[in-house]
Amino acid sequence: MKNQNREVMDDLIKRMRRIEGQARGIQRMIEEQQDCEAILIQLTAVREAINKVGMKAIGCHLGNRLGEELASGNDGREAIEEAVEYLMKFS
């Protein structure tokens, strides 16, 4: 995630720390044999949080690659194709 502004990086780090805390909370819920429905709700929240981080990472990659492509005089298609491949892998 090179060449990203500090605000984007701080946001991603904050999101990952929150996910880490949620994962520990789910582990604790399982250890305490809490209700499966409550655990599933928390698992869904973690999955959605990871999806948001992933989408932001793909956006960062696209922005970097597109900037490189355009600076090199290319039309950016390669960067867009890469981003689509990452989206397909991620989803």
Protein backbone atom coordinates (compact mmCIF):
# COMPACT_ATOMS: atom_id res chain seq x y z
CA MET A 1 0.00 0.00 0.00
CA LYS A 2 2.79 2.32 -0.90
CA ASN A 3 2.18 5.92 -1.86
CA GLN A 4 -1.08 6.20 0.08
CA ASN A 5 -1.97 9.25 2.06
CA ARG A 6 -1.80 8.96 5.81
CA GLU A 7 -5.57 9.30 6.25
CA VAL A 8 -6.26 6.22 4.10
CA MET A 9 -3.58 4.20 5.88
CA ASP A 10 -4.86 5.22 9.32
CA ASP A 11 -8.39 4.25 8.33
CA LEU A 12 -7.31 0.81 7.12
CA ILE A 13 -5.23 0.18 10.24
CA LYS A 14 -8.14 1.24 12.46
CA ARG A 15 -10.49 -1.09 10.57
CA MET A 16 -8.07 -4.02 10.87
CA ARG A 17 -7.66 -3.44 14.61
CA ARG A 18 -11.42 -3.41 15.00
CA ILE A 19 -11.64 -6.69 13.04
CA GLU A 20 -8.96 -8.18 15.27
CA GLY A 21 -10.98 -7.23 18.34
CA GLN A 22 -14.16 -8.63 16.83
CA ALA A 23 -12.40 -11.93 16.07
CA ARG A 24 -11.18 -12.18 19.66
CA GLY A 25 -14.71 -11.45 20.84
CA ILE A 26 -16.12 -14.23 18.67
CA GLN A 27 -13.53 -16.64 20.02
CA ARG A 28 -14.59 -15.70 23.54
CA MET A 29 -18.26 -16.18 22.61
CA ILE A 30 -17.51 -19.69 21.32
CA GLU A 31 -15.49 -20.55 24.43
CA GLU A 32 -18.39 -19.35 26.58
CA GLN A 33 -20.77 -21.45 24.47
CA GLN A 34 -22.94 -18.47 23.63
CA ASP A 35 -25.93 -18.66 21.34
CA CYS A 36 -25.12 -19.70 17.75
CA GLU A 37 -27.30 -16.92 16.34
CA ALA A 38 -25.31 -14.25 18.22
CA ILE A 39 -22.06 -15.79 16.99
CA LEU A 40 -23.32 -15.84 13.40
CA ILE A 41 -24.29 -12.19 13.65
CA GLN A 42 -20.77 -11.32 14.78
CA LEU A 43 -19.21 -13.47 12.06
CA THR A 44 -21.30 -11.62 9.48
CA ALA A 45 -20.09 -8.30 10.88
CA VAL A 46 -16.45 -9.43 10.60
CA ARG A 47 -16.96 -10.65 7.04
CA GLU A 48 -18.48 -7.31 6.04
CA ALA A 49 -15.65 -5.41 7.72
CA ILE A 50 -13.07 -7.50 5.86
CA ASN A 51 -14.93 -6.87 2.60
CA LYS A 52 -14.73 -3.12 3.19
CA VAL A 53 -11.00 -3.28 3.86
CA GLY A 54 -10.54 -5.40 0.74
CA MET A 55 -12.51 -3.01 -1.43
CA LYS A 56 -10.50 -0.07 -0.13
CA ALA A 57 -7.28 -1.98 -0.84
CA ILE A 58 -8.45 -2.70 -4.38
CA GLY A 59 -9.32 0.97 -4.79
CA CYS A 60 -5.85 1.96 -3.57
CA HIS A 61 -4.25 -0.47 -5.99
CA LEU A 62 -6.34 0.83 -8.87
CA GLY A 63 -5.48 4.42 -8.03
CA ASN A 64 -1.75 3.68 -7.87
CA ARG A 65 -1.68 1.58 -11.03
CA LEU A 66 -3.89 3.97 -12.97
CA GLY A 67 -1.64 6.87 -12.00
CA GLU A 68 1.42 4.92 -13.15
CA GLU A 69 -0.25 3.96 -16.42
CA LEU A 70 -1.39 7.49 -17.22
CA ALA A 71 2.01 8.95 -16.28
CA SER A 72 3.58 6.52 -18.74
CA GLY A 73 1.27 7.70 -21.50
CA ASN A 74 -0.92 4.59 -21.47
CA ASP A 75 -4.72 4.67 -21.40
CA GLY A 76 -5.06 2.81 -18.10
CA ARG A 77 -6.78 -0.29 -19.46
CA GLU A 78 -4.19 -2.60 -17.96
CA ALA A 79 -4.72 -1.09 -14.52
CA ILE A 80 -8.47 -1.46 -14.84
CA GLU A 81 -8.13 -5.07 -15.99
CA GLU A 82 -5.94 -5.81 -12.96
CA ALA A 83 -8.50 -4.24 -10.65
CA VAL A 84 -11.27 -6.35 -12.20
CA GLU A 85 -9.17 -9.49 -11.67
CA TYR A 86 -8.69 -8.57 -8.00
CA LEU A 87 -12.40 -7.92 -7.64
CA MET A 88 -13.17 -11.34 -9.11
CA LYS A 89 -10.68 -13.05 -6.78
CA PHE A 90 -11.93 -11.13 -3.78
CA SER A 91 -15.63 -11.76 -4.27
